[in-house]
Amino acid sequence: MTNLLIGAIGALLATNQPAALSNLVTQTTGVTVTAMATNSPLAMELHKIEEQDDAAAADVDEWIIQNDKFAKEGAGIPKADLNRRIRDRFEASRTAYKDFIRRHPDYAPARVAYASFLHDMGDEDGEFEQLQKARDLDPTIPSVWNNLGNYYGEYSPITNAFACYEKAIQLDPKEPVYYDNFATTVYLFRKDAREYYHLTEQQVFDKAMGLYSVALKLDPTNFERATDLGMSYYGIKPFRTNDALAAWTNALSLAHDEIEREGIYIHFARVMGQIGQFEEAHKRLDAVTNQMYVDMKRRVARSVNDKEHPEQATNEPPQELDLPVPASAKTNAFGMDSRL
C-alpha cells in the first residue's frame, strides 16, 4: 500500500481523524511486517492472510484514487460512504488475523503482521498492544522495537522512544530507517535528549545529524533522505552553512528529474540568502520555472530581497519554509508531505 493511501485510509477509519493524519511520521518509516517468513505451515498460512490484506489494500487504493478524481469533477461519494465501504472491504482481513492469533497466540510474526494492519487502519492503540505482545514473545525482532519507538515518539514517554530505537539498531545496525527515526526524535525532542543523554544543545544537534548521516550512508541514493538531511540544518543555530551546502549539493546529485532539481535550487537560494550571497541566490531562483513552486519561490525571493535591501523590507512577518517534522508530518525538500 502506498504511504499516501495508508495515510488516507488511517485518517478515514480512525475515530480521531486529525490525530490520525498527524501520526503519519513514522508510519512511512519502518512499518515492517514479518521479514522472517519461512516455509513452515504457520508462516505459509499467515502469508495467505497477508496476501488477502494486500488485495484488499489494492482495491481500496483504487477506490481512493477514483473517488479523488470524481470529487474534483463534483461526483465523488461522501466520506462517510467511502469510510463504510473501506471498513467492509478490510473486515475479512481483520477477522482472519484475529482468528489466526486466537489459534496461535504465541506466534510473534502474526502479532507483527496484525500490528501493521491496525497501523494502516489508524488504530494506534491496537497496534501498540500487538507490538508489545510481539516484543514479549520474541524480543529479537528489530522492526518491533522501531515501531514501538515510533509510538512512544508520538505519545510519550519520549525517553522510551530513544531506548527502543537504540535496541532496534543494536539488533539490525544496517537498517537506515531506524537511524532516520532515531535522528528525527532526537532532533524534535531536544530538551528530552539533553536530559537523557546529558548533552548540550549543540551536542544534541551533533547526535541527530550523525544519525541522519549514518542513515544516508546506508542508503546513499535515497533522494528523500538526502533532502531531509538538508532541511534539518534549518533548525540549527548558529546555522551550519558549509554542512548545509554540502547536504544540498549531495541532494542535487541524487535528483531524478528537473522538478526535483528545481526544488533543490530553491533551498540553495535560501541558504545563499542567509549568508549574503544574493547574486547567487537570485541565479538559483531564476532557474526555477515549474508552476508548482510559484508560492515557495515567491516566499524565498522575498526573504532574500529583505536581507539584500533591508531598507525596503516590509513590516509583514517573514514566511519561513516548513522545517522537517519527521515524527508527525515530515516534509520533503519541496514543502510537500514526503509520505505522498
C-alpha atoms as a PDB file:
ATOM      1  CA  MET A   1       0.000   0.000   0.000  1.00  0.00           C
ATOM      2  CA  THR A   2       1.407   3.429  -0.809  1.00  0.00           C
ATOM      3  CA  ASN A   3       2.162   5.791   2.054  1.00  0.00           C
ATOM      4  CA  LEU A   4      -0.391   8.274   0.734  1.00  0.00           C
ATOM      5  CA  LEU A   5      -3.115   5.687   0.750  1.00  0.00           C
ATOM      6  CA  ILE A   6      -2.123   4.236   4.083  1.00  0.00           C
ATOM      7  CA  GLY A   7      -2.494   7.753   5.448  1.00  0.00           C
ATOM      8  CA  ALA A   8      -5.808   8.340   3.769  1.00  0.00           C
ATOM      9  CA  ILE A   9      -7.207   5.035   4.965  1.00  0.00           C
ATOM     10  CA  GLY A  10      -5.988   5.598   8.507  1.00  0.00           C
ATOM     11  CA  ALA A  11      -7.477   9.060   8.588  1.00  0.00           C
ATOM     12  CA  LEU A  12     -10.783   7.803   7.261  1.00  0.00           C
ATOM     13  CA  LEU A  13     -11.070   4.917   9.659  1.00  0.00           C
ATOM     14  CA  ALA A  14      -9.658   6.443  12.818  1.00  0.00           C
ATOM     15  CA  THR A  15     -12.021   7.820  15.443  1.00  0.00           C
ATOM     16  CA  ASN A  16      -9.796  10.866  15.866  1.00  0.00           C
ATOM     17  CA  GLN A  17      -9.125  11.788  12.247  1.00  0.00           C
ATOM     18  CA  PRO A  18      -6.915  14.866  12.855  1.00  0.00           C
ATOM     19  CA  ALA A  19      -4.725  12.802  15.169  1.00  0.00           C
ATOM     20  CA  ALA A  20      -4.532  10.043  12.591  1.00  0.00           C
ATOM     21  CA  LEU A  21      -3.294  12.500   9.987  1.00  0.00           C
ATOM     22  CA  SER A  22      -0.696  13.906  12.368  1.00  0.00           C
ATOM     23  CA  ASN A  23       0.594  10.461  13.249  1.00  0.00           C
ATOM     24  CA  LEU A  24       1.878   9.664   9.789  1.00  0.00           C
ATOM     25  CA  VAL A  25       5.511  10.202  10.878  1.00  0.00           C
ATOM     26  CA  THR A  26       6.931   7.450  11.277  1.00  0.00           C
ATOM     27  CA  GLN A  27       4.420   5.476   9.538  1.00  0.00           C
ATOM     28  CA  THR A  28       6.455   5.883   6.462  1.00  0.00           C
ATOM     29  CA  THR A  29       9.488   4.698   8.054  1.00  0.00           C
ATOM     30  CA  GLY A  30       9.607   1.304   9.438  1.00  0.00           C
ATOM     31  CA  VAL A  31       6.282  -0.431   9.470  1.00  0.00           C
ATOM     32  CA  THR A  32       7.878  -3.734   8.709  1.00  0.00           C
ATOM     33  CA  VAL A  33       5.782  -6.811   8.729  1.00  0.00           C
ATOM     34  CA  THR A  34       7.095 -10.314   9.011  1.00  0.00           C
ATOM     35  CA  ALA A  35      10.557 -10.206   7.348  1.00  0.00           C
ATOM     36  CA  MET A  36      11.097 -13.620   8.893  1.00  0.00           C
ATOM     37  CA  ALA A  37       8.995 -15.691   6.572  1.00  0.00           C
ATOM     38  CA  THR A  38       9.776 -19.391   6.394  1.00  0.00           C
ATOM     39  CA  ASN A  39       8.219 -22.418   4.741  1.00  0.00           C
ATOM     40  CA  SER A  40       6.614 -23.565   7.957  1.00  0.00           C
ATOM     41  CA  PRO A  41       2.862 -24.236   7.841  1.00  0.00           C
ATOM     42  CA  LEU A  42       2.228 -21.322  10.197  1.00  0.00           C
ATOM     43  CA  ALA A  43       4.251 -18.918   8.078  1.00  0.00           C
ATOM     44  CA  MET A  44       2.519 -20.048   4.913  1.00  0.00           C
ATOM     45  CA  GLU A  45      -0.924 -19.648   6.479  1.00  0.00           C
ATOM     46  CA  LEU A  46      -0.050 -16.172   7.716  1.00  0.00           C
ATOM     47  CA  HIS A  47       1.319 -15.285   4.291  1.00  0.00           C
ATOM     48  CA  LYS A  48      -2.039 -16.100   2.715  1.00  0.00           C
ATOM     49  CA  ILE A  49      -3.765 -13.734   5.139  1.00  0.00           C
ATOM     50  CA  GLU A  50      -1.257 -11.019   4.252  1.00  0.00           C
ATOM     51  CA  GLU A  51      -1.913 -11.615   0.568  1.00  0.00           C
ATOM     52  CA  GLN A  52      -5.632 -11.230   1.275  1.00  0.00           C
ATOM     53  CA  ASP A  53      -4.839  -7.998   3.112  1.00  0.00           C
ATOM     54  CA  ASP A  54      -2.734  -6.772   0.174  1.00  0.00           C
ATOM     55  CA  ALA A  55      -5.555  -7.492  -2.253  1.00  0.00           C
ATOM     56  CA  ALA A  56      -7.982  -5.514  -0.111  1.00  0.00           C
ATOM     57  CA  ALA A  57      -5.467  -2.672   0.084  1.00  0.00           C
ATOM     58  CA  ALA A  58      -5.097  -2.651  -3.709  1.00  0.00           C
ATOM     59  CA  ASP A  59      -8.860  -2.355  -4.102  1.00  0.00           C
ATOM     60  CA  VAL A  60      -9.034   0.448  -1.558  1.00  0.00           C
ATOM     61  CA  ASP A  61      -6.118   2.244  -3.222  1.00  0.00           C
ATOM     62  CA  GLU A  62      -8.075   2.297  -6.452  1.00  0.00           C
ATOM     63  CA  TRP A  63     -11.275   3.458  -4.739  1.00  0.00           C
ATOM     64  CA  ILE A  64      -9.498   6.387  -3.110  1.00  0.00           C
ATOM     65  CA  ILE A  65      -7.787   7.419  -6.336  1.00  0.00           C
ATOM     66  CA  GLN A  66     -11.003   7.195  -8.309  1.00  0.00           C
ATOM     67  CA  ASN A  67     -13.079   8.968  -5.681  1.00  0.00           C
ATOM     68  CA  ASP A  68     -10.494  11.743  -5.531  1.00  0.00           C
ATOM     69  CA  LYS A  69     -10.748  12.099  -9.280  1.00  0.00           C
ATOM     70  CA  PHE A  70     -14.547  12.078  -9.249  1.00  0.00           C
ATOM     71  CA  ALA A  71     -14.670  14.527  -6.328  1.00  0.00           C
ATOM     72  CA  LYS A  72     -12.744  17.080  -8.399  1.00  0.00           C
ATOM     73  CA  GLU A  73     -15.465  16.694 -11.001  1.00  0.00           C
ATOM     74  CA  GLY A  74     -18.202  17.062  -8.398  1.00  0.00           C
ATOM     75  CA  ALA A  75     -19.167  13.397  -8.476  1.00  0.00           C
ATOM     76  CA  GLY A  76     -17.297  11.811  -5.553  1.00  0.00           C
ATOM     77  CA  ILE A  77     -19.150   9.802  -2.929  1.00  0.00           C
ATOM     78  CA  PRO A  78     -19.376  11.223   0.628  1.00  0.00           C
ATOM     79  CA  LYS A  79     -16.531  10.390   3.011  1.00  0.00           C
ATOM     80  CA  ALA A  80     -18.895   8.527   5.316  1.00  0.00           C
ATOM     81  CA  ASP A  81     -19.883   6.198   2.469  1.00  0.00           C
ATOM     82  CA  LEU A  82     -16.287   5.665   1.406  1.00  0.00           C
ATOM     83  CA  ASN A  83     -15.368   5.045   5.023  1.00  0.00           C
ATOM     84  CA  ARG A  84     -18.060   2.376   5.316  1.00  0.00           C
ATOM     85  CA  ARG A  85     -17.001   0.724   2.065  1.00  0.00           C
ATOM     86  CA  ILE A  86     -13.376   0.605   3.182  1.00  0.00           C
ATOM     87  CA  ARG A  87     -14.296  -0.867   6.557  1.00  0.00           C
ATOM     88  CA  ASP A  88     -16.319  -3.583   4.895  1.00  0.00           C
ATOM     89  CA  ARG A  89     -13.500  -4.429   2.476  1.00  0.00           C
ATOM     90  CA  PHE A  90     -10.968  -4.818   5.266  1.00  0.00           C
ATOM     91  CA  GLU A  91     -13.235  -6.655   7.686  1.00  0.00           C
ATOM     92  CA  ALA A  92     -12.353 -10.062   6.252  1.00  0.00           C
ATOM     93  CA  SER A  93      -8.637  -9.369   6.802  1.00  0.00           C
ATOM     94  CA  ARG A  94      -9.255  -8.221  10.357  1.00  0.00           C
ATOM     95  CA  THR A  95     -11.281 -11.359  11.093  1.00  0.00           C
ATOM     96  CA  ALA A  96      -8.618 -13.583   9.553  1.00  0.00           C
ATOM     97  CA  TYR A  97      -5.816 -12.021  11.620  1.00  0.00           C
ATOM     98  CA  LYS A  98      -7.832 -12.280  14.837  1.00  0.00           C
ATOM     99  CA  ASP A  99      -8.758 -15.891  14.149  1.00  0.00           C
ATOM    100  CA  PHE A 100      -5.139 -16.814  13.404  1.00  0.00           C
ATOM    101  CA  ILE A 101      -3.960 -15.179  16.626  1.00  0.00           C
ATOM    102  CA  ARG A 102      -6.711 -16.901  18.612  1.00  0.00           C
ATOM    103  CA  ARG A 103      -5.432 -20.248  17.354  1.00  0.00           C
ATOM    104  CA  HIS A 104      -1.721 -19.369  17.565  1.00  0.00           C
ATOM    105  CA  PRO A 105      -1.378 -16.719  20.306  1.00  0.00           C
ATOM    106  CA  ASP A 106       2.362 -17.292  20.760  1.00  0.00           C
ATOM    107  CA  TYR A 107       3.368 -16.799  17.134  1.00  0.00           C
ATOM    108  CA  ALA A 108       5.162 -13.428  17.153  1.00  0.00           C
ATOM    109  CA  PRO A 109       5.119 -12.803  13.364  1.00  0.00           C
ATOM    110  CA  ALA A 110       1.320 -12.845  13.443  1.00  0.00           C
ATOM    111  CA  ARG A 111       1.335 -10.149  16.105  1.00  0.00           C
ATOM    112  CA  VAL A 112       3.672  -8.044  13.958  1.00  0.00           C
ATOM    113  CA  ALA A 113       1.519  -8.512  10.856  1.00  0.00           C
ATOM    114  CA  TYR A 114      -1.676  -7.659  12.716  1.00  0.00           C
ATOM    115  CA  ALA A 115       0.002  -4.615  14.266  1.00  0.00           C
ATOM    116  CA  SER A 116       0.865  -3.420  10.755  1.00  0.00           C
ATOM    117  CA  PHE A 117      -2.738  -3.936   9.666  1.00  0.00           C
ATOM    118  CA  LEU A 118      -4.029  -1.944  12.652  1.00  0.00           C
ATOM    119  CA  HIS A 119      -1.450   0.741  11.921  1.00  0.00           C
ATOM    120  CA  ASP A 120      -2.826   1.122   8.402  1.00  0.00           C
ATOM    121  CA  MET A 121      -6.325   1.328   9.844  1.00  0.00           C
ATOM    122  CA  GLY A 122      -5.318   4.209  12.121  1.00  0.00           C
ATOM    123  CA  ASP A 123      -5.754   2.148  15.301  1.00  0.00           C
ATOM    124  CA  GLU A 124      -2.539   3.154  17.077  1.00  0.00           C
ATOM    125  CA  ASP A 125      -3.608   1.793  20.458  1.00  0.00           C
ATOM    126  CA  GLY A 126      -4.450  -1.576  18.950  1.00  0.00           C
ATOM    127  CA  GLU A 127      -1.156  -1.569  17.074  1.00  0.00           C
ATOM    128  CA  PHE A 128       0.721  -0.757  20.283  1.00  0.00           C
ATOM    129  CA  GLU A 129      -0.906  -3.655  22.128  1.00  0.00           C
ATOM    130  CA  GLN A 130       0.101  -6.113  19.401  1.00  0.00           C
ATOM    131  CA  LEU A 131       3.652  -4.730  19.239  1.00  0.00           C
ATOM    132  CA  GLN A 132       4.044  -5.178  22.992  1.00  0.00           C
ATOM    133  CA  LYS A 133       2.894  -8.768  22.729  1.00  0.00           C
ATOM    134  CA  ALA A 134       5.234  -9.397  19.797  1.00  0.00           C
ATOM    135  CA  ARG A 135       8.123  -7.923  21.796  1.00  0.00           C
ATOM    136  CA  ASP A 136       7.333 -10.148  24.775  1.00  0.00           C
ATOM    137  CA  LEU A 137       7.074 -13.240  22.566  1.00  0.00           C
ATOM    138  CA  ASP A 138      10.245 -12.526  20.601  1.00  0.00           C
ATOM    139  CA  PRO A 139      12.413  -9.581  21.713  1.00  0.00           C
ATOM    140  CA  THR A 140      14.829 -10.115  18.787  1.00  0.00           C
ATOM    141  CA  ILE A 141      12.633  -8.603  16.048  1.00  0.00           C
ATOM    142  CA  PRO A 142      14.170  -5.167  15.297  1.00  0.00           C
ATOM    143  CA  SER A 143      11.141  -3.732  13.484  1.00  0.00           C
ATOM    144  CA  VAL A 144       9.035  -4.265  16.606  1.00  0.00           C
ATOM    145  CA  TRP A 145      11.387  -2.083  18.626  1.00  0.00           C
ATOM    146  CA  ASN A 146      11.456   0.537  15.869  1.00  0.00           C
ATOM    147  CA  ASN A 147       7.680   0.703  15.702  1.00  0.00           C
ATOM    148  CA  LEU A 148       7.398   0.878  19.473  1.00  0.00           C
ATOM    149  CA  GLY A 149       9.823   3.795  19.258  1.00  0.00           C
ATOM    150  CA  ASN A 150       7.507   5.415  16.729  1.00  0.00           C
ATOM    151  CA  TYR A 151       4.585   5.032  19.115  1.00  0.00           C
ATOM    152  CA  TYR A 152       6.440   6.479  22.102  1.00  0.00           C
ATOM    153  CA  GLY A 153       7.713   9.317  19.911  1.00  0.00           C
ATOM    154  CA  GLU A 154       4.104  10.249  19.260  1.00  0.00           C
ATOM    155  CA  TYR A 155       2.517   9.544  22.629  1.00  0.00           C
ATOM    156  CA  SER A 156       5.467   9.589  25.080  1.00  0.00           C
ATOM    157  CA  PRO A 157       7.403   8.973  27.188  1.00  0.00           C
ATOM    158  CA  ILE A 158       9.998  10.175  24.715  1.00  0.00           C
ATOM    159  CA  THR A 159      12.808   8.511  26.604  1.00  0.00           C
ATOM    160  CA  ASN A 160      11.193   5.155  25.831  1.00  0.00           C
ATOM    161  CA  ALA A 161      11.435   6.047  22.147  1.00  0.00           C
ATOM    162  CA  PHE A 162      15.177   6.655  22.482  1.00  0.00           C
ATOM    163  CA  ALA A 163      15.651   3.279  24.163  1.00  0.00           C
ATOM    164  CA  CYS A 164      13.530   1.459  21.583  1.00  0.00           C
ATOM    165  CA  TYR A 165      15.398   2.901  18.620  1.00  0.00           C
ATOM    166  CA  GLU A 166      18.705   2.022  20.241  1.00  0.00           C
ATOM    167  CA  LYS A 167      17.502  -1.552  20.636  1.00  0.00           C
ATOM    168  CA  ALA A 168      16.321  -1.734  17.008  1.00  0.00           C
ATOM    169  CA  ILE A 169      19.722  -0.504  15.810  1.00  0.00           C
ATOM    170  CA  GLN A 170      21.508  -2.969  18.079  1.00  0.00           C
ATOM    171  CA  LEU A 171      19.521  -5.817  16.528  1.00  0.00           C
ATOM    172  CA  ASP A 172      19.874  -4.575  12.936  1.00  0.00           C
ATOM    173  CA  PRO A 173      22.624  -1.961  12.540  1.00  0.00           C
ATOM    174  CA  LYS A 174      22.278  -1.855   8.749  1.00  0.00           C
ATOM    175  CA  GLU A 175      18.668  -0.641   8.508  1.00  0.00           C
ATOM    176  CA  PRO A 176      18.677   3.097   7.638  1.00  0.00           C
ATOM    177  CA  VAL A 177      15.066   3.605   8.705  1.00  0.00           C
ATOM    178  CA  TYR A 178      15.948   3.041  12.346  1.00  0.00           C
ATOM    179  CA  TYR A 179      18.674   5.684  12.320  1.00  0.00           C
ATOM    180  CA  ASP A 180      16.364   8.070  10.494  1.00  0.00           C
ATOM    181  CA  ASN A 181      13.585   7.697  13.061  1.00  0.00           C
ATOM    182  CA  PHE A 182      16.018   7.925  15.957  1.00  0.00           C
ATOM    183  CA  ALA A 183      17.597  11.078  14.499  1.00  0.00           C
ATOM    184  CA  THR A 184      14.216  12.665  13.957  1.00  0.00           C
ATOM    185  CA  THR A 185      13.109  12.025  17.518  1.00  0.00           C
ATOM    186  CA  VAL A 186      16.352  13.388  18.970  1.00  0.00           C
ATOM    187  CA  TYR A 187      16.066  16.432  16.683  1.00  0.00           C
ATOM    188  CA  LEU A 188      12.471  17.171  17.612  1.00  0.00           C
ATOM    189  CA  PHE A 189      12.715  16.487  21.319  1.00  0.00           C
ATOM    190  CA  ARG A 190      15.985  18.211  22.068  1.00  0.00           C
ATOM    191  CA  LYS A 191      15.170  19.027  25.689  1.00  0.00           C
ATOM    192  CA  ASP A 192      14.435  15.371  26.433  1.00  0.00           C
ATOM    193  CA  ALA A 193      17.574  14.322  24.574  1.00  0.00           C
ATOM    194  CA  ARG A 194      19.713  16.807  26.509  1.00  0.00           C
ATOM    195  CA  GLU A 195      18.483  15.459  29.818  1.00  0.00           C
ATOM    196  CA  TYR A 196      18.510  11.788  28.838  1.00  0.00           C
ATOM    197  CA  TYR A 197      21.982  11.781  27.258  1.00  0.00           C
ATOM    198  CA  HIS A 198      23.471  14.601  29.395  1.00  0.00           C
ATOM    199  CA  LEU A 199      24.378  16.674  26.343  1.00  0.00           C
ATOM    200  CA  THR A 200      24.430  20.346  25.425  1.00  0.00           C
ATOM    201  CA  GLU A 201      22.032  21.522  22.734  1.00  0.00           C
ATOM    202  CA  GLN A 202      24.818  21.640  20.135  1.00  0.00           C
ATOM    203  CA  GLN A 203      25.825  18.107  21.092  1.00  0.00           C
ATOM    204  CA  VAL A 204      22.209  17.021  20.645  1.00  0.00           C
ATOM    205  CA  PHE A 205      22.266  18.515  17.157  1.00  0.00           C
ATOM    206  CA  ASP A 206      25.535  16.669  16.514  1.00  0.00           C
ATOM    207  CA  LYS A 207      23.926  13.420  17.640  1.00  0.00           C
ATOM    208  CA  ALA A 208      20.868  13.899  15.425  1.00  0.00           C
ATOM    209  CA  MET A 209      22.910  14.886  12.383  1.00  0.00           C
ATOM    210  CA  GLY A 210      25.259  11.973  12.965  1.00  0.00           C
ATOM    211  CA  LEU A 211      22.330   9.566  12.955  1.00  0.00           C
ATOM    212  CA  TYR A 212      20.881  11.159   9.818  1.00  0.00           C
ATOM    213  CA  SER A 213      24.288  10.807   8.156  1.00  0.00           C
ATOM    214  CA  VAL A 214      24.522   7.113   9.038  1.00  0.00           C
ATOM    215  CA  ALA A 215      21.069   6.555   7.533  1.00  0.00           C
ATOM    216  CA  LEU A 216      22.177   8.256   4.332  1.00  0.00           C
ATOM    217  CA  LYS A 217      25.427   6.280   4.172  1.00  0.00           C
ATOM    218  CA  LEU A 218      23.421   3.074   4.442  1.00  0.00           C
ATOM    219  CA  ASP A 219      21.071   4.273   1.693  1.00  0.00           C
ATOM    220  CA  PRO A 220      23.252   6.698  -0.295  1.00  0.00           C
ATOM    221  CA  THR A 221      20.999   7.091  -3.333  1.00  0.00           C
ATOM    222  CA  ASN A 222      17.811   7.954  -1.424  1.00  0.00           C
ATOM    223  CA  PHE A 223      16.802  11.429  -2.579  1.00  0.00           C
ATOM    224  CA  GLU A 224      14.120  11.940   0.072  1.00  0.00           C
ATOM    225  CA  ARG A 225      16.525  11.039   2.851  1.00  0.00           C
ATOM    226  CA  ALA A 226      19.131  13.407   1.433  1.00  0.00           C
ATOM    227  CA  THR A 227      16.635  16.285   1.359  1.00  0.00           C
ATOM    228  CA  ASP A 228      15.564  15.509   4.918  1.00  0.00           C
ATOM    229  CA  LEU A 229      19.182  15.897   5.973  1.00  0.00           C
ATOM    230  CA  GLY A 230      19.452  19.241   4.193  1.00  0.00           C
ATOM    231  CA  MET A 231      16.265  20.566   5.755  1.00  0.00           C
ATOM    232  CA  SER A 232      17.372  19.543   9.216  1.00  0.00           C
ATOM    233  CA  TYR A 233      20.056  22.223   9.182  1.00  0.00           C
ATOM    234  CA  TYR A 234      17.442  24.993   9.141  1.00  0.00           C
ATOM    235  CA  GLY A 235      16.627  24.301  12.776  1.00  0.00           C
ATOM    236  CA  ILE A 236      20.213  24.533  13.987  1.00  0.00           C
ATOM    237  CA  LYS A 237      21.542  27.775  15.453  1.00  0.00           C
ATOM    238  CA  PRO A 238      24.099  29.020  14.728  1.00  0.00           C
ATOM    239  CA  PHE A 239      23.467  27.932  11.146  1.00  0.00           C
ATOM    240  CA  ARG A 240      25.987  25.390   9.847  1.00  0.00           C
ATOM    241  CA  THR A 241      26.467  26.872   6.404  1.00  0.00           C
ATOM    242  CA  ASN A 242      29.122  24.536   4.982  1.00  0.00           C
ATOM    243  CA  ASP A 243      27.359  21.414   6.209  1.00  0.00           C
ATOM    244  CA  ALA A 244      24.036  22.605   4.810  1.00  0.00           C
ATOM    245  CA  LEU A 245      25.545  23.410   1.413  1.00  0.00           C
ATOM    246  CA  ALA A 246      27.248  20.010   1.313  1.00  0.00           C
ATOM    247  CA  ALA A 247      23.944  18.326   2.129  1.00  0.00           C
ATOM    248  CA  TRP A 248      22.079  20.206  -0.614  1.00  0.00           C
ATOM    249  CA  THR A 249      24.871  19.549  -3.115  1.00  0.00           C
ATOM    250  CA  ASN A 250      24.531  15.842  -2.405  1.00  0.00           C
ATOM    251  CA  ALA A 251      20.744  16.018  -2.687  1.00  0.00           C
ATOM    252  CA  LEU A 252      21.068  17.777  -6.057  1.00  0.00           C
ATOM    253  CA  SER A 253      23.295  14.976  -7.336  1.00  0.00           C
ATOM    254  CA  LEU A 254      20.578  12.466  -6.425  1.00  0.00           C
ATOM    255  CA  ALA A 255      17.656  14.335  -8.031  1.00  0.00           C
ATOM    256  CA  HIS A 256      15.823  12.247 -10.593  1.00  0.00           C
ATOM    257  CA  ASP A 257      14.381  14.974 -12.793  1.00  0.00           C
ATOM    258  CA  GLU A 258      14.112  18.710 -13.311  1.00  0.00           C
ATOM    259  CA  ILE A 259      11.206  19.019 -10.881  1.00  0.00           C
ATOM    260  CA  GLU A 260      13.332  17.649  -8.056  1.00  0.00           C
ATOM    261  CA  ARG A 261      16.316  19.723  -9.131  1.00  0.00           C
ATOM    262  CA  GLU A 262      14.285  22.926  -9.076  1.00  0.00           C
ATOM    263  CA  GLY A 263      13.159  22.137  -5.555  1.00  0.00           C
ATOM    264  CA  ILE A 264      16.812  21.928  -4.536  1.00  0.00           C
ATOM    265  CA  TYR A 265      17.598  25.213  -6.287  1.00  0.00           C
ATOM    266  CA  ILE A 266      15.093  26.917  -4.004  1.00  0.00           C
ATOM    267  CA  HIS A 267      16.919  25.591  -0.968  1.00  0.00           C
ATOM    268  CA  PHE A 268      20.270  26.718  -2.354  1.00  0.00           C
ATOM    269  CA  ALA A 269      18.762  30.171  -2.821  1.00  0.00           C
ATOM    270  CA  ARG A 270      17.531  30.189   0.742  1.00  0.00           C
ATOM    271  CA  VAL A 271      20.970  29.259   2.103  1.00  0.00           C
ATOM    272  CA  MET A 272      22.747  31.739  -0.159  1.00  0.00           C
ATOM    273  CA  GLY A 273      20.388  34.457   1.002  1.00  0.00           C
ATOM    274  CA  GLN A 274      21.153  33.663   4.626  1.00  0.00           C
ATOM    275  CA  ILE A 275      24.897  34.048   4.106  1.00  0.00           C
ATOM    276  CA  GLY A 276      24.677  37.182   1.964  1.00  0.00           C
ATOM    277  CA  GLN A 277      25.448  35.682  -1.458  1.00  0.00           C
ATOM    278  CA  PHE A 278      22.496  37.467  -3.020  1.00  0.00           C
ATOM    279  CA  GLU A 279      23.555  37.288  -6.655  1.00  0.00           C
ATOM    280  CA  GLU A 280      23.940  33.528  -6.437  1.00  0.00           C
ATOM    281  CA  ALA A 281      20.604  33.257  -4.634  1.00  0.00           C
ATOM    282  CA  HIS A 282      18.831  35.115  -7.446  1.00  0.00           C
ATOM    283  CA  LYS A 283      20.512  32.922 -10.066  1.00  0.00           C
ATOM    284  CA  ARG A 284      19.214  29.831  -8.343  1.00  0.00           C
ATOM    285  CA  LEU A 285      15.704  31.247  -8.149  1.00  0.00           C
ATOM    286  CA  ASP A 286      15.786  32.268 -11.817  1.00  0.00           C
ATOM    287  CA  ALA A 287      16.396  28.607 -12.689  1.00  0.00           C
ATOM    288  CA  VAL A 288      13.082  27.636 -11.050  1.00  0.00           C
ATOM    289  CA  THR A 289      10.312  27.728 -13.666  1.00  0.00           C
ATOM    290  CA  ASN A 290       7.908  24.980 -12.671  1.00  0.00           C
ATOM    291  CA  GLN A 291       4.456  26.242 -11.720  1.00  0.00           C
ATOM    292  CA  MET A 292       4.280  24.042  -8.644  1.00  0.00           C
ATOM    293  CA  TYR A 293       6.999  26.141  -6.999  1.00  0.00           C
ATOM    294  CA  VAL A 294       5.462  29.561  -7.580  1.00  0.00           C
ATOM    295  CA  ASP A 295       4.498  30.183  -3.952  1.00  0.00           C
ATOM    296  CA  MET A 296       7.682  28.820  -2.435  1.00  0.00           C
ATOM    297  CA  LYS A 297       9.832  30.702  -4.938  1.00  0.00           C
ATOM    298  CA  ARG A 298       7.994  33.915  -4.090  1.00  0.00           C
ATOM    299  CA  ARG A 299       8.489  33.412  -0.350  1.00  0.00           C
ATOM    300  CA  VAL A 300      12.212  32.707  -0.676  1.00  0.00           C
ATOM    301  CA  ALA A 301      12.680  35.596  -3.110  1.00  0.00           C
ATOM    302  CA  ARG A 302      11.023  37.933  -0.636  1.00  0.00           C
ATOM    303  CA  SER A 303      13.286  36.684   2.155  1.00  0.00           C
ATOM    304  CA  VAL A 304      16.390  37.180   0.005  1.00  0.00           C
ATOM    305  CA  ASN A 305      15.293  40.670  -1.070  1.00  0.00           C
ATOM    306  CA  ASP A 306      14.558  41.693   2.521  1.00  0.00           C
ATOM    307  CA  LYS A 307      18.071  40.691   3.527  1.00  0.00           C
ATOM    308  CA  GLU A 308      19.658  42.310   0.470  1.00  0.00           C
ATOM    309  CA  HIS A 309      17.672  45.534   0.802  1.00  0.00           C
ATOM    310  CA  PRO A 310      16.668  45.857   4.471  1.00  0.00           C
ATOM    311  CA  GLU A 311      15.639  49.478   3.903  1.00  0.00           C
ATOM    312  CA  GLN A 312      12.896  48.245   1.565  1.00  0.00           C
ATOM    313  CA  ALA A 313      11.720  45.380   3.751  1.00  0.00           C
ATOM    314  CA  THR A 314       8.033  45.324   4.610  1.00  0.00           C
ATOM    315  CA  ASN A 315       6.633  45.029   8.107  1.00  0.00           C
ATOM    316  CA  GLU A 316       4.979  41.727   7.290  1.00  0.00           C
ATOM    317  CA  PRO A 317       6.264  38.775   9.322  1.00  0.00           C
ATOM    318  CA  PRO A 318       8.660  36.510   7.406  1.00  0.00           C
ATOM    319  CA  GLN A 319       7.185  33.366   5.872  1.00  0.00           C
ATOM    320  CA  GLU A 320       9.572  30.578   6.642  1.00  0.00           C
ATOM    321  CA  LEU A 321       9.665  27.325   4.743  1.00  0.00           C
ATOM    322  CA  ASP A 322       8.475  24.324   6.694  1.00  0.00           C
ATOM    323  CA  LEU A 323      11.102  22.649   8.825  1.00  0.00           C
ATOM    324  CA  PRO A 324      11.222  18.859   8.834  1.00  0.00           C
ATOM    325  CA  VAL A 325       8.932  17.396  11.465  1.00  0.00           C
ATOM    326  CA  PRO A 326       9.558  13.716  10.936  1.00  0.00           C
ATOM    327  CA  ALA A 327       7.670  12.484  13.969  1.00  0.00           C
ATOM    328  CA  SER A 328       4.349  13.896  12.939  1.00  0.00           C
ATOM    329  CA  ALA A 329       4.269  15.434   9.492  1.00  0.00           C
ATOM    330  CA  LYS A 330       7.559  15.062   7.739  1.00  0.00           C
ATOM    331  CA  THR A 331       8.007  17.361   4.746  1.00  0.00           C
ATOM    332  CA  ASN A 332      10.405  16.956   1.897  1.00  0.00           C
ATOM    333  CA  ALA A 333      12.516  19.448   0.030  1.00  0.00           C
ATOM    334  CA  PHE A 334       9.549  20.993  -1.694  1.00  0.00           C
ATOM    335  CA  GLY A 335       7.404  21.642   1.335  1.00  0.00           C
ATOM    336  CA  MET A 336       5.204  18.729   0.349  1.00  0.00           C
ATOM    337  CA  ASP A 337       4.418  15.797   2.557  1.00  0.00           C
ATOM    338  CA  SER A 338       7.145  13.233   1.976  1.00  0.00           C
ATOM    339  CA  ARG A 339       4.673  10.466   2.719  1.00  0.00           C
ATOM    340  CA  LEU A 340       2.838  11.196  -0.512  1.00  0.00           C
END
